[in-house]
Amino acid sequence: MAKVKNPLEKIAAKAIADKAKKLADEAYTKAVNKSNKEADEAYVAAEKGSNKLVTDAEARGDKAIQDASAKGDQQINKIK
């Protein structure tokens, strides 16, 4: 900022600088809030997706155990 000798110009320059800083701070805060919200939404979506994967894997594991148990029972019944 250039040196200002006139007191009124100095006050006006400070007011303009303060306003610019306030606008920049508001823009920064808005951008941070927006990115935080997007990150939170992405986390929730990822968590739901991972929970579904775990549930599906558990279901497949349970089915595999049931199938193996049924095959084992069949083999036992053949032996009897």
PDB file of N, CA and C in Angstrom:
ATOM      1  N   MET A   1       0.850  -1.170   0.000  1.00  0.00           N
ATOM      2  CA  MET A   1       0.000   0.000   0.000  1.00  0.00           C
ATOM      3  C   MET A   1       0.897   1.235   0.000  1.00  0.00           C
ATOM      4  N   ALA A   2       0.576   2.172  -0.864  1.00  0.00           N
ATOM      5  CA  ALA A   2       1.373   3.400  -0.968  1.00  0.00           C
ATOM      6  C   ALA A   2       1.166   4.267   0.263  1.00  0.00           C
ATOM      7  N   LYS A   3       2.190   5.035   0.599  1.00  0.00           N
ATOM      8  CA  LYS A   3       2.076   5.927   1.753  1.00  0.00           C
ATOM      9  C   LYS A   3       1.097   7.045   1.433  1.00  0.00           C
ATOM     10  N   VAL A   4       0.227   7.332   2.392  1.00  0.00           N
ATOM     11  CA  VAL A   4      -0.788   8.371   2.237  1.00  0.00           C
ATOM     12  C   VAL A   4      -0.527   9.428   3.299  1.00  0.00           C
ATOM     13  N   LYS A   5      -0.424  10.705   2.860  1.00  0.00           N
ATOM     14  CA  LYS A   5      -0.139  11.768   3.816  1.00  0.00           C
ATOM     15  C   LYS A   5      -1.417  12.443   4.322  1.00  0.00           C
ATOM     16  N   ASN A   6      -2.424  12.523   3.495  1.00  0.00           N
ATOM     17  CA  ASN A   6      -3.674  13.164   3.880  1.00  0.00           C
ATOM     18  C   ASN A   6      -4.408  12.252   4.869  1.00  0.00           C
ATOM     19  N   PRO A   7      -4.766  12.759   6.061  1.00  0.00           N
ATOM     20  CA  PRO A   7      -5.428  11.925   7.073  1.00  0.00           C
ATOM     21  C   PRO A   7      -6.737  11.305   6.575  1.00  0.00           C
ATOM     22  N   LEU A   8      -7.512  12.047   5.779  1.00  0.00           N
ATOM     23  CA  LEU A   8      -8.767  11.490   5.265  1.00  0.00           C
ATOM     24  C   LEU A   8      -8.497  10.357   4.282  1.00  0.00           C
ATOM     25  N   GLU A   9      -7.482  10.533   3.467  1.00  0.00           N
ATOM     26  CA  GLU A   9      -7.121   9.469   2.535  1.00  0.00           C
ATOM     27  C   GLU A   9      -6.634   8.238   3.297  1.00  0.00           C
ATOM     28  N   LYS A  10      -5.900   8.507   4.379  1.00  0.00           N
ATOM     29  CA  LYS A  10      -5.390   7.411   5.204  1.00  0.00           C
ATOM     30  C   LYS A  10      -6.556   6.624   5.821  1.00  0.00           C
ATOM     31  N   ILE A  11      -7.560   7.339   6.325  1.00  0.00           N
ATOM     32  CA  ILE A  11      -8.736   6.689   6.916  1.00  0.00           C
ATOM     33  C   ILE A  11      -9.497   5.903   5.843  1.00  0.00           C
ATOM     34  N   ALA A  12      -9.654   6.502   4.667  1.00  0.00           N
ATOM     35  CA  ALA A  12     -10.360   5.834   3.579  1.00  0.00           C
ATOM     36  C   ALA A  12      -9.593   4.580   3.124  1.00  0.00           C
ATOM     37  N   ALA A  13      -8.280   4.690   3.030  1.00  0.00           N
ATOM     38  CA  ALA A  13      -7.470   3.553   2.618  1.00  0.00           C
ATOM     39  C   ALA A  13      -7.574   2.420   3.630  1.00  0.00           C
ATOM     40  N   LYS A  14      -7.572   2.776   4.923  1.00  0.00           N
ATOM     41  CA  LYS A  14      -7.703   1.755   5.967  1.00  0.00           C
ATOM     42  C   LYS A  14      -9.071   1.107   5.899  1.00  0.00           C
ATOM     43  N   ALA A  15     -10.123   1.905   5.676  1.00  0.00           N
ATOM     44  CA  ALA A  15     -11.475   1.363   5.586  1.00  0.00           C
ATOM     45  C   ALA A  15     -11.587   0.395   4.404  1.00  0.00           C
ATOM     46  N   ILE A  16     -10.988   0.772   3.285  1.00  0.00           N
ATOM     47  CA  ILE A  16     -11.011  -0.099   2.108  1.00  0.00           C
ATOM     48  C   ILE A  16     -10.245  -1.393   2.383  1.00  0.00           C
ATOM     49  N   ALA A  17      -9.094  -1.270   3.019  1.00  0.00           N
ATOM     50  CA  ALA A  17      -8.294  -2.455   3.351  1.00  0.00           C
ATOM     51  C   ALA A  17      -9.045  -3.358   4.327  1.00  0.00           C
ATOM     52  N   ASP A  18      -9.689  -2.758   5.330  1.00  0.00           N
ATOM     53  CA  ASP A  18     -10.457  -3.537   6.299  1.00  0.00           C
ATOM     54  C   ASP A  18     -11.609  -4.277   5.617  1.00  0.00           C
ATOM     55  N   LYS A  19     -12.288  -3.589   4.717  1.00  0.00           N
ATOM     56  CA  LYS A  19     -13.414  -4.196   3.994  1.00  0.00           C
ATOM     57  C   LYS A  19     -12.918  -5.355   3.121  1.00  0.00           C
ATOM     58  N   ALA A  20     -11.782  -5.155   2.446  1.00  0.00           N
ATOM     59  CA  ALA A  20     -11.219  -6.214   1.608  1.00  0.00           C
ATOM     60  C   ALA A  20     -10.836  -7.416   2.456  1.00  0.00           C
ATOM     61  N   LYS A  21     -10.254  -7.164   3.637  1.00  0.00           N
ATOM     62  CA  LYS A  21      -9.882  -8.258   4.535  1.00  0.00           C
ATOM     63  C   LYS A  21     -11.119  -9.003   5.013  1.00  0.00           C
ATOM     64  N   LYS A  22     -12.155  -8.251   5.364  1.00  0.00           N
ATOM     65  CA  LYS A  22     -13.399  -8.869   5.829  1.00  0.00           C
ATOM     66  C   LYS A  22     -13.998  -9.744   4.725  1.00  0.00           C
ATOM     67  N   LEU A  23     -14.031  -9.245   3.504  1.00  0.00           N
ATOM     68  CA  LEU A  23     -14.569 -10.022   2.385  1.00  0.00           C
ATOM     69  C   LEU A  23     -13.744 -11.280   2.135  1.00  0.00           C
ATOM     70  N   ALA A  24     -12.432 -11.141   2.217  1.00  0.00           N
ATOM     71  CA  ALA A  24     -11.550 -12.298   2.018  1.00  0.00           C
ATOM     72  C   ALA A  24     -11.759 -13.330   3.124  1.00  0.00           C
ATOM     73  N   ASP A  25     -11.880 -12.853   4.361  1.00  0.00           N
ATOM     74  CA  ASP A  25     -12.122 -13.758   5.482  1.00  0.00           C
ATOM     75  C   ASP A  25     -13.454 -14.490   5.323  1.00  0.00           C
ATOM     76  N   GLU A  26     -14.484 -13.765   4.885  1.00  0.00           N
ATOM     77  CA  GLU A  26     -15.796 -14.379   4.687  1.00  0.00           C
ATOM     78  C   GLU A  26     -15.750 -15.420   3.572  1.00  0.00           C
ATOM     79  N   ALA A  27     -15.051 -15.107   2.485  1.00  0.00           N
ATOM     80  CA  ALA A  27     -14.927 -16.049   1.376  1.00  0.00           C
ATOM     81  C   ALA A  27     -14.175 -17.302   1.827  1.00  0.00           C
ATOM     82  N   TYR A  28     -13.116 -17.101   2.606  1.00  0.00           N
ATOM     83  CA  TYR A  28     -12.342 -18.228   3.127  1.00  0.00           C
ATOM     84  C   TYR A  28     -13.211 -19.107   4.028  1.00  0.00           C
ATOM     85  N   THR A  29     -13.934 -18.477   4.941  1.00  0.00           N
ATOM     86  CA  THR A  29     -14.790 -19.221   5.866  1.00  0.00           C
ATOM     87  C   THR A  29     -15.855 -19.996   5.099  1.00  0.00           C
ATOM     88  N   LYS A  30     -16.446 -19.366   4.106  1.00  0.00           N
ATOM     89  CA  LYS A  30     -17.469 -20.027   3.295  1.00  0.00           C
ATOM     90  C   LYS A  30     -16.875 -21.235   2.568  1.00  0.00           C
ATOM     91  N   ALA A  31     -15.692 -21.075   2.007  1.00  0.00           N
ATOM     92  CA  ALA A  31     -15.038 -22.170   1.287  1.00  0.00           C
ATOM     93  C   ALA A  31     -14.702 -23.322   2.235  1.00  0.00           C
ATOM     94  N   VAL A  32     -14.199 -22.999   3.424  1.00  0.00           N
ATOM     95  CA  VAL A  32     -13.868 -24.035   4.408  1.00  0.00           C
ATOM     96  C   VAL A  32     -15.131 -24.771   4.844  1.00  0.00           C
ATOM     97  N   ASN A  33     -16.194 -24.033   5.117  1.00  0.00           N
ATOM     98  CA  ASN A  33     -17.453 -24.660   5.535  1.00  0.00           C
ATOM     99  C   ASN A  33     -17.997 -25.576   4.444  1.00  0.00           C
ATOM    100  N   LYS A  34     -17.916 -25.115   3.202  1.00  0.00           N
ATOM    101  CA  LYS A  34     -18.401 -25.924   2.085  1.00  0.00           C
ATOM    102  C   LYS A  34     -17.577 -27.204   1.946  1.00  0.00           C
ATOM    103  N   SER A  35     -16.262 -27.093   2.030  1.00  0.00           N
ATOM    104  CA  SER A  35     -15.429 -28.291   1.890  1.00  0.00           C
ATOM    105  C   SER A  35     -15.618 -29.235   3.071  1.00  0.00           C
ATOM    106  N   ASN A  36     -15.826 -28.694   4.262  1.00  0.00           N
ATOM    107  CA  ASN A  36     -16.094 -29.548   5.427  1.00  0.00           C
ATOM    108  C   ASN A  36     -17.401 -30.312   5.245  1.00  0.00           C
ATOM    109  N   LYS A  37     -18.418 -29.624   4.742  1.00  0.00           N
ATOM    110  CA  LYS A  37     -19.715 -30.264   4.512  1.00  0.00           C
ATOM    111  C   LYS A  37     -19.574 -31.374   3.470  1.00  0.00           C
ATOM    112  N   GLU A  38     -18.867 -31.089   2.389  1.00  0.00           N
ATOM    113  CA  GLU A  38     -18.662 -32.095   1.349  1.00  0.00           C
ATOM    114  C   GLU A  38     -17.875 -33.288   1.876  1.00  0.00           C
ATOM    115  N   ALA A  39     -16.880 -33.016   2.704  1.00  0.00           N
ATOM    116  CA  ALA A  39     -16.091 -34.102   3.292  1.00  0.00           C
ATOM    117  C   ALA A  39     -16.948 -34.953   4.222  1.00  0.00           C
ATOM    118  N   ASP A  40     -17.796 -34.306   5.006  1.00  0.00           N
ATOM    119  CA  ASP A  40     -18.690 -35.044   5.897  1.00  0.00           C
ATOM    120  C   ASP A  40     -19.646 -35.931   5.101  1.00  0.00           C
ATOM    121  N   GLU A  41     -20.193 -35.382   4.008  1.00  0.00           N
ATOM    122  CA  GLU A  41     -21.109 -36.156   3.170  1.00  0.00           C
ATOM    123  C   GLU A  41     -20.389 -37.334   2.519  1.00  0.00           C
ATOM    124  N   ALA A  42     -19.159 -37.117   2.082  1.00  0.00           N
ATOM    125  CA  ALA A  42     -18.383 -38.198   1.470  1.00  0.00           C
ATOM    126  C   ALA A  42     -18.083 -39.282   2.506  1.00  0.00           C
ATOM    127  N   TYR A  43     -17.781 -38.877   3.734  1.00  0.00           N
ATOM    128  CA  TYR A  43     -17.508 -39.840   4.803  1.00  0.00           C
ATOM    129  C   TYR A  43     -18.744 -40.691   5.083  1.00  0.00           C
ATOM    130  N   VAL A  44     -19.905 -40.046   5.180  1.00  0.00           N
ATOM    131  CA  VAL A  44     -21.146 -40.773   5.448  1.00  0.00           C
ATOM    132  C   VAL A  44     -21.422 -41.771   4.326  1.00  0.00           C
ATOM    133  N   ALA A  45     -21.248 -41.327   3.085  1.00  0.00           N
ATOM    134  CA  ALA A  45     -21.474 -42.218   1.941  1.00  0.00           C
ATOM    135  C   ALA A  45     -20.498 -43.394   1.962  1.00  0.00           C
ATOM    136  N   ALA A  46     -19.240 -43.122   2.267  1.00  0.00           N
ATOM    137  CA  ALA A  46     -18.237 -44.195   2.328  1.00  0.00           C
ATOM    138  C   ALA A  46     -18.551 -45.167   3.456  1.00  0.00           C
ATOM    139  N   GLU A  47     -18.991 -44.628   4.575  1.00  0.00           N
ATOM    140  CA  GLU A  47     -19.325 -45.485   5.716  1.00  0.00           C
ATOM    141  C   GLU A  47     -20.502 -46.400   5.375  1.00  0.00           C
ATOM    142  N   LYS A  48     -21.526 -45.833   4.722  1.00  0.00           N
ATOM    143  CA  LYS A  48     -22.674 -46.654   4.316  1.00  0.00           C
ATOM    144  C   LYS A  48     -22.230 -47.746   3.349  1.00  0.00           C
ATOM    145  N   GLY A  49     -21.374 -47.365   2.396  1.00  0.00           N
ATOM    146  CA  GLY A  49     -20.882 -48.342   1.425  1.00  0.00           C
ATOM    147  C   GLY A  49     -20.080 -49.448   2.090  1.00  0.00           C
ATOM    148  N   SER A  50     -19.220 -49.090   3.024  1.00  0.00           N
ATOM    149  CA  SER A  50     -18.406 -50.109   3.691  1.00  0.00           C
ATOM    150  C   SER A  50     -19.272 -50.992   4.577  1.00  0.00           C
ATOM    151  N   ASN A  51     -20.279 -50.411   5.219  1.00  0.00           N
ATOM    152  CA  ASN A  51     -21.184 -51.221   6.037  1.00  0.00           C
ATOM    153  C   ASN A  51     -21.928 -52.232   5.167  1.00  0.00           C
ATOM    154  N   LYS A  52     -22.325 -51.811   3.966  1.00  0.00           N
ATOM    155  CA  LYS A  52     -23.010 -52.719   3.049  1.00  0.00           C
ATOM    156  C   LYS A  52     -22.068 -53.839   2.613  1.00  0.00           C
ATOM    157  N   LEU A  53     -20.813 -53.501   2.336  1.00  0.00           N
ATOM    158  CA  LEU A  53     -19.843 -54.531   1.957  1.00  0.00           C
ATOM    159  C   LEU A  53     -19.661 -55.559   3.071  1.00  0.00           C
ATOM    160  N   VAL A  54     -19.572 -55.073   4.299  1.00  0.00           N
ATOM    161  CA  VAL A  54     -19.404 -55.981   5.442  1.00  0.00           C
ATOM    162  C   VAL A  54     -20.634 -56.871   5.584  1.00  0.00           C
ATOM    163  N   THR A  55     -21.818 -56.276   5.475  1.00  0.00           N
ATOM    164  CA  THR A  55     -23.057 -57.042   5.596  1.00  0.00           C
ATOM    165  C   THR A  55     -23.133 -58.104   4.502  1.00  0.00           C
ATOM    166  N   ASP A  56     -22.809 -57.714   3.272  1.00  0.00           N
ATOM    167  CA  ASP A  56     -22.833 -58.673   2.159  1.00  0.00           C
ATOM    168  C   ASP A  56     -21.820 -59.797   2.372  1.00  0.00           C
ATOM    169  N   ALA A  57     -20.632 -59.451   2.831  1.00  0.00           N
ATOM    170  CA  ALA A  57     -19.601 -60.466   3.075  1.00  0.00           C
ATOM    171  C   ALA A  57     -20.025 -61.422   4.182  1.00  0.00           C
ATOM    172  N   GLU A  58     -20.637 -60.878   5.223  1.00  0.00           N
ATOM    173  CA  GLU A  58     -21.108 -61.740   6.312  1.00  0.00           C
ATOM    174  C   GLU A  58     -22.194 -62.690   5.816  1.00  0.00           C
ATOM    175  N   ALA A  59     -23.091 -62.162   4.978  1.00  0.00           N
ATOM    176  CA  ALA A  59     -24.162 -63.001   4.436  1.00  0.00           C
ATOM    177  C   ALA A  59     -23.587 -64.116   3.562  1.00  0.00           C
ATOM    178  N   ARG A  60     -22.606 -63.774   2.733  1.00  0.00           N
ATOM    179  CA  ARG A  60     -21.972 -64.796   1.887  1.00  0.00           C
ATOM    180  C   ARG A  60     -21.241 -65.828   2.747  1.00  0.00           C
ATOM    181  N   GLY A  61     -20.605 -65.370   3.802  1.00  0.00           N
ATOM    182  CA  GLY A  61     -19.909 -66.290   4.716  1.00  0.00           C
ATOM    183  C   GLY A  61     -20.891 -67.218   5.413  1.00  0.00           C
ATOM    184  N   ASP A  62     -22.005 -66.653   5.880  1.00  0.00           N
ATOM    185  CA  ASP A  62     -23.032 -67.477   6.530  1.00  0.00           C
ATOM    186  C   ASP A  62     -23.587 -68.512   5.558  1.00  0.00           C
ATOM    187  N   LYS A  63     -23.815 -68.093   4.313  1.00  0.00           N
ATOM    188  CA  LYS A  63     -24.331 -69.013   3.286  1.00  0.00           C
ATOM    189  C   LYS A  63     -23.317 -70.118   3.015  1.00  0.00           C
ATOM    190  N   ALA A  64     -22.040 -69.770   2.939  1.00  0.00           N
ATOM    191  CA  ALA A  64     -21.003 -70.774   2.700  1.00  0.00           C
ATOM    192  C   ALA A  64     -20.956 -71.782   3.850  1.00  0.00           C
ATOM    193  N   ILE A  65     -21.113 -71.304   5.076  1.00  0.00           N
ATOM    194  CA  ILE A  65     -21.111 -72.194   6.239  1.00  0.00           C
ATOM    195  C   ILE A  65     -22.316 -73.128   6.190  1.00  0.00           C
ATOM    196  N   GLN A  66     -23.484 -72.581   5.833  1.00  0.00           N
ATOM    197  CA  GLN A  66     -24.691 -73.414   5.737  1.00  0.00           C
ATOM    198  C   GLN A  66     -24.534 -74.471   4.653  1.00  0.00           C
ATOM    199  N   ASP A  67     -23.994 -74.045   3.502  1.00  0.00           N
ATOM    200  CA  ASP A  67     -23.787 -74.990   2.400  1.00  0.00           C
ATOM    201  C   ASP A  67     -22.816 -76.098   2.811  1.00  0.00           C
ATOM    202  N   ALA A  68     -21.732 -75.719   3.475  1.00  0.00           N
ATOM    203  CA  ALA A  68     -20.749 -76.705   3.914  1.00  0.00           C
ATOM    204  C   ALA A  68     -21.359 -77.656   4.938  1.00  0.00           C
ATOM    205  N   SER A  69     -22.176 -77.127   5.823  1.00  0.00           N
ATOM    206  CA  SER A  69     -22.825 -77.949   6.833  1.00  0.00           C
ATOM    207  C   SER A  69     -23.787 -78.931   6.177  1.00  0.00           C
ATOM    208  N   ALA A  70     -24.544 -78.447   5.186  1.00  0.00           N
ATOM    209  CA  ALA A  70     -25.482 -79.323   4.479  1.00  0.00           C
ATOM    210  C   ALA A  70     -24.734 -80.425   3.737  1.00  0.00           C
ATOM    211  N   LYS A  71     -23.618 -80.085   3.099  1.00  0.00           N
ATOM    212  CA  LYS A  71     -22.814 -81.096   2.394  1.00  0.00           C
ATOM    213  C   LYS A  71     -22.266 -82.122   3.388  1.00  0.00           C
ATOM    214  N   GLY A  72     -21.818 -81.616   4.534  1.00  0.00           N
ATOM    215  CA  GLY A  72     -21.311 -82.523   5.568  1.00  0.00           C
ATOM    216  C   GLY A  72     -22.396 -83.460   6.052  1.00  0.00           C
ATOM    217  N   ASP A  73     -23.603 -82.938   6.259  1.00  0.00           N
ATOM    218  CA  ASP A  73     -24.728 -83.774   6.688  1.00  0.00           C
ATOM    219  C   ASP A  73     -25.041 -84.831   5.631  1.00  0.00           C
ATOM    220  N   GLN A  74     -24.969 -84.433   4.353  1.00  0.00           N
ATOM    221  CA  GLN A  74     -25.228 -85.386   3.276  1.00  0.00           C
ATOM    222  C   GLN A  74     -24.202 -86.513   3.302  1.00  0.00           C
ATOM    223  N   GLN A  75     -22.937 -86.175   3.507  1.00  0.00           N
ATOM    224  CA  GLN A  75     -21.888 -87.177   3.546  1.00  0.00           C
ATOM    225  C   GLN A  75     -22.082 -88.127   4.727  1.00  0.00           C
ATOM    226  N   ILE A  76     -22.497 -87.554   5.869  1.00  0.00           N
ATOM    227  CA  ILE A  76     -22.743 -88.375   7.063  1.00  0.00           C
ATOM    228  C   ILE A  76     -23.910 -89.327   6.822  1.00  0.00           C
ATOM    229  N   ASN A  77     -24.954 -88.814   6.165  1.00  0.00           N
ATOM    230  CA  ASN A  77     -26.122 -89.647   5.891  1.00  0.00           C
ATOM    231  C   ASN A  77     -25.797 -90.770   4.913  1.00  0.00           C
ATOM    232  N   LYS A  78     -24.861 -90.521   3.997  1.00  0.00           N
ATOM    233  CA  LYS A  78     -24.429 -91.561   3.050  1.00  0.00           C
ATOM    234  C   LYS A  78     -23.701 -92.678   3.778  1.00  0.00           C
ATOM    235  N   ILE A  79     -22.955 -92.307   4.798  1.00  0.00           N
ATOM    236  CA  ILE A  79     -22.168 -93.280   5.552  1.00  0.00           C
ATOM    237  C   ILE A  79     -23.072 -94.165   6.414  1.00  0.00           C
ATOM    238  N   LYS A  80     -24.160 -93.592   6.909  1.00  0.00           N
ATOM    239  CA  LYS A  80     -25.060 -94.346   7.824  1.00  0.00           C
ATOM    240  C   LYS A  80     -25.703 -95.487   7.159  1.00  0.00           C
TER     241      LYS A  80
END
